[in-house]
Amino acid sequence: MNNETTLLVIFVGITGLALVVQAIVMLVAFLTMRKTIVSLQSDVQELRTTAMPILARTRETLEKVAPRIESIATDVADLAHSLKEQSVEFQAVAAEILERVHRQTSRVDNMFTGMVDGVEQASNMVVDSITIPVRRITAMLAGAKAFFTVLATGRRPDQQVDVVADQDMFV
């Protein structure tokens, strides 16, 4: 045999061996995948058997509670609407009360202003009714005093007395 033929047979043998090894690896992978799939199917089945009753009870509970939740939501919405209406009424009443208080305060202010003006006017009248006669009496007394001074001294009180003796005492 020829050297080339021998090499060709060796290469064909190595290639055949590689194909057999590859087939074995593929068979092991197939068997492993099949085992994993069987295991996953049993786990999924177990999960279904435990989860389905829970889901069914949850659905039943939601079906029972849903009308109550809707009723509560409706009640809350009605309560909010009623509260809003009452707050609007309260604001209107508060504004009316404040307006009344403002009017009454204005009235009381006008009353006190009128009363103070009246007291001031009355006090001015009392002062005038007292001071005018007092001035007249004072003027009459001053006139009488001047009259008596002129009678007693013979001259008017605003005239100066001539002092002759003091003129020589200049220092």
Protein backbone atom coordinates (compact mmCIF):
# COMPACT_ATOMS: atom_id res chain seq x y z
CA MET A 1 0.00 0.00 0.00
CA ASN A 2 0.89 3.23 -0.70
CA ASN A 3 1.65 5.96 1.80
CA GLU A 4 -1.16 8.09 0.51
CA THR A 5 -3.69 5.34 0.79
CA THR A 6 -2.65 4.64 4.35
CA LEU A 7 -3.06 8.26 5.28
CA LEU A 8 -6.43 8.36 3.59
CA VAL A 9 -7.65 5.33 5.56
CA ILE A 10 -6.41 6.89 8.85
CA PHE A 11 -8.21 10.16 8.11
CA VAL A 12 -11.41 8.34 7.21
CA GLY A 13 -11.15 6.34 10.45
CA ILE A 14 -10.60 9.51 12.54
CA THR A 15 -13.56 11.17 10.78
CA GLY A 16 -15.76 8.13 11.48
CA LEU A 17 -14.68 8.12 15.11
CA ALA A 18 -15.49 11.85 15.38
CA LEU A 19 -18.95 11.20 13.96
CA VAL A 20 -19.57 8.42 16.50
CA VAL A 21 -18.40 10.68 19.38
CA GLN A 22 -20.62 13.44 18.07
CA ALA A 23 -23.59 11.06 17.88
CA ILE A 24 -22.97 9.94 21.48
CA VAL A 25 -22.81 13.58 22.68
CA MET A 26 -26.04 14.33 20.83
CA LEU A 27 -27.71 11.27 22.36
CA VAL A 28 -26.62 12.34 25.90
CA ALA A 29 -27.91 15.87 25.25
CA PHE A 30 -31.20 14.44 23.98
CA LEU A 31 -31.62 12.21 27.02
CA THR A 32 -30.77 15.07 29.40
CA MET A 33 -33.26 17.37 27.67
CA ARG A 34 -35.96 14.71 27.83
CA LYS A 35 -35.33 14.18 31.53
CA THR A 36 -35.45 17.96 32.16
CA ILE A 37 -38.68 18.31 30.18
CA VAL A 38 -40.31 15.49 32.16
CA SER A 39 -39.18 17.12 35.42
CA LEU A 40 -40.49 20.54 34.34
CA GLN A 41 -43.82 19.03 33.29
CA SER A 42 -44.24 17.44 36.71
CA ASP A 43 -43.31 20.73 38.45
CA VAL A 44 -45.78 22.68 36.30
CA GLN A 45 -48.48 20.09 37.00
CA GLU A 46 -47.79 20.34 40.74
CA LEU A 47 -47.90 24.14 40.55
CA ARG A 48 -51.22 23.97 38.70
CA THR A 49 -52.72 21.67 41.29
CA THR A 50 -51.74 24.02 44.14
CA ALA A 51 -52.28 27.38 42.40
CA MET A 52 -55.62 26.70 40.75
CA PRO A 53 -57.60 26.34 43.99
CA ILE A 54 -55.99 29.52 45.32
CA LEU A 55 -56.88 31.39 42.14
CA ALA A 56 -60.42 30.02 42.25
CA ARG A 57 -60.87 31.14 45.89
CA THR A 58 -59.40 34.55 45.05
CA ARG A 59 -61.83 34.92 42.14
CA GLU A 60 -64.76 33.91 44.38
CA THR A 61 -63.66 36.39 47.06
CA LEU A 62 -63.35 39.19 44.50
CA GLU A 63 -66.79 38.37 43.11
CA LYS A 64 -68.24 38.55 46.64
CA VAL A 65 -66.38 41.74 47.61
CA ALA A 66 -66.73 43.64 44.32
CA PRO A 67 -70.29 44.88 44.98
CA ARG A 68 -69.27 46.03 48.44
CA ILE A 69 -66.27 47.87 47.05
CA GLU A 70 -68.46 49.52 44.43
CA SER A 71 -70.96 50.48 47.15
CA ILE A 72 -68.20 51.95 49.31
CA ALA A 73 -66.80 53.88 46.35
CA THR A 74 -70.27 55.26 45.60
CA ASP A 75 -70.76 56.22 49.26
CA VAL A 76 -67.39 57.97 49.35
CA ALA A 77 -68.23 59.88 46.16
CA ASP A 78 -71.62 60.90 47.63
CA LEU A 79 -69.95 61.94 50.86
CA ALA A 80 -67.40 64.05 48.99
CA HIS A 81 -70.18 65.70 46.97
CA SER A 82 -72.22 66.40 50.12
CA LEU A 83 -69.16 67.77 51.89
CA LYS A 84 -68.47 70.07 48.95
CA GLU A 85 -72.06 71.38 49.00
CA GLN A 86 -71.90 71.95 52.75
CA SER A 87 -68.63 73.80 52.45
CA VAL A 88 -70.17 76.07 49.81
CA GLU A 89 -73.15 76.70 52.13
CA PHE A 90 -70.79 77.34 55.03
CA GLN A 91 -68.83 79.86 52.99
CA ALA A 92 -72.06 81.65 52.03
CA VAL A 93 -73.25 81.74 55.66
CA ALA A 94 -69.85 82.93 56.86
CA ALA A 95 -69.84 85.69 54.24
CA GLU A 96 -73.35 86.76 55.30
CA ILE A 97 -72.37 86.79 58.97
CA LEU A 98 -69.28 88.84 58.20
CA GLU A 99 -71.40 91.29 56.20
CA ARG A 100 -73.84 91.64 59.11
CA VAL A 101 -70.99 92.11 61.57
CA HIS A 102 -69.52 94.76 59.27
CA ARG A 103 -72.86 96.60 59.09
CA GLN A 104 -73.37 96.43 62.87
CA THR A 105 -69.80 97.61 63.44
CA SER A 106 -70.42 100.50 61.09
CA ARG A 107 -73.63 101.36 62.97
CA VAL A 108 -71.90 101.22 66.34
CA ASP A 109 -69.07 103.35 64.95
CA ASN A 110 -71.56 105.91 63.67
CA MET A 111 -73.38 105.89 67.02
CA PHE A 112 -70.15 106.44 68.97
CA THR A 113 -69.01 109.11 66.54
CA GLY A 114 -72.35 110.90 66.92
CA MET A 115 -72.21 110.56 70.68
CA VAL A 116 -68.63 111.87 70.85
CA ASP A 117 -69.54 114.76 68.53
CA GLY A 118 -72.56 115.55 70.73
CA VAL A 119 -70.46 115.45 73.90
CA GLU A 120 -67.86 117.69 72.26
CA GLN A 121 -70.52 120.14 71.12
CA ALA A 122 -72.14 120.14 74.57
CA SER A 123 -68.79 120.70 76.27
CA ASN A 124 -68.06 123.59 73.87
CA MET A 125 -71.45 125.11 74.71
CA VAL A 126 -70.78 124.69 78.44
CA VAL A 127 -67.34 126.24 78.07
CA ASP A 128 -68.76 129.12 76.04
CA SER A 129 -71.65 129.62 78.46
CA ILE A 130 -69.20 129.79 81.37
CA THR A 131 -66.27 131.68 79.80
CA ILE A 132 -68.28 134.49 78.21
CA PRO A 133 -69.85 135.59 81.50
CA VAL A 134 -66.54 135.10 83.31
CA ARG A 135 -64.81 137.35 80.75
CA ARG A 136 -67.51 139.96 81.14
CA ILE A 137 -67.25 139.83 84.93
CA THR A 138 -63.44 140.01 84.69
CA ALA A 139 -63.71 143.00 82.37
CA MET A 140 -66.18 144.68 84.70
CA LEU A 141 -63.89 144.02 87.69
CA ALA A 142 -60.90 145.37 85.78
CA GLY A 143 -62.94 148.50 84.92
CA ALA A 144 -64.05 148.91 88.52
CA LYS A 145 -60.48 148.50 89.71
CA ALA A 146 -59.26 151.09 87.24
CA PHE A 147 -62.08 153.43 88.31
CA PHE A 148 -61.25 153.06 91.97
CA THR A 149 -57.54 153.46 91.27
CA VAL A 150 -58.18 156.72 89.44
CA LEU A 151 -60.43 157.91 92.28
CA ALA A 152 -57.88 156.98 94.90
CA THR A 153 -54.71 158.27 93.24
CA GLY A 154 -56.01 160.80 90.84
CA ARG A 155 -54.26 159.30 87.83
CA ARG A 156 -54.47 156.34 85.57
CA PRO A 157 -52.68 153.16 86.51
CA ASP A 158 -50.62 153.07 83.31
CA GLN A 159 -49.01 156.47 83.97
CA GLN A 160 -45.62 156.46 85.60
CA VAL A 161 -44.92 158.32 88.78
CA ASP A 162 -42.12 160.79 88.38
CA VAL A 163 -39.48 160.14 90.96
CA VAL A 164 -37.47 163.30 91.46
CA ALA A 165 -35.33 162.19 94.37
CA ASP A 166 -33.83 159.25 92.53
CA GLN A 167 -32.52 161.26 89.59
CA ASP A 168 -29.47 162.49 91.50
CA MET A 169 -28.36 159.07 92.58
CA PHE A 170 -26.65 158.13 89.37
CA VAL A 171 -23.52 156.13 89.95
